[in-house]
């Protein structure tokens, strides 16, 4: 059994397949709201499903969150390809992808497990490679169009997006916290527009640095 797949590879009945989809969506929302420290019990509470049903499909939190990471990366890959095909200008495609990624709260959706004993499964590694390649293509096209400063690369972008903070906690009185992600993204986009007025120090990060970042920060 692959570490990055659900434990039962046999075709699921329609009701079981619906349960899996519901668990993944609810868990994604839970981890986005509360971080990876949120319990499986909270996923069960929000989904209305029993703990036994969740553990039947996902034997532990690591398996569940890895499936969410695969889901998120696949959705992001599809969005990059759609944006490049649908938007009239590469800068519009670039900003569309940036906003999509920010909405996903990627820093909250990946497993924070620095002490993880096993490597991610091949499915997750494969889709991550595809996503990074698509982002590199998007960045290159946007730079060739003269819209994106030419001293940054796709790996810079990934690290910058992870610096955008998650939604602030709700107030003790139950009031909803301000969501500042779009505000911070606006500042980031302004700084990324060509030609850029600041000279950047040090070389841009490469794939080795990105792999190290995912491994040490998220256990991926």
Foldseek 3Di string as FASTA:
>chain_A
DFLQAWPDPPDDDPVLVVVLVLLLVLVLVVLLQPFLVDDVVVSCVVSVHDPVSVCNGPVDSQNSLSNNLLVLLVVLLVLLVVLVVPPPALLSSVVSSLVSLLVSLVLRRFAFCQPDDDAHGPSSVVSVVSSLVSLQVSVVRCVVVQWFAPQEGSLNSVVVSSVQDRFDDADPVRHGGDGCRVVVVVVVSVQGTPNHDDDDDDHYDDPVVSVVCCCRGRVD
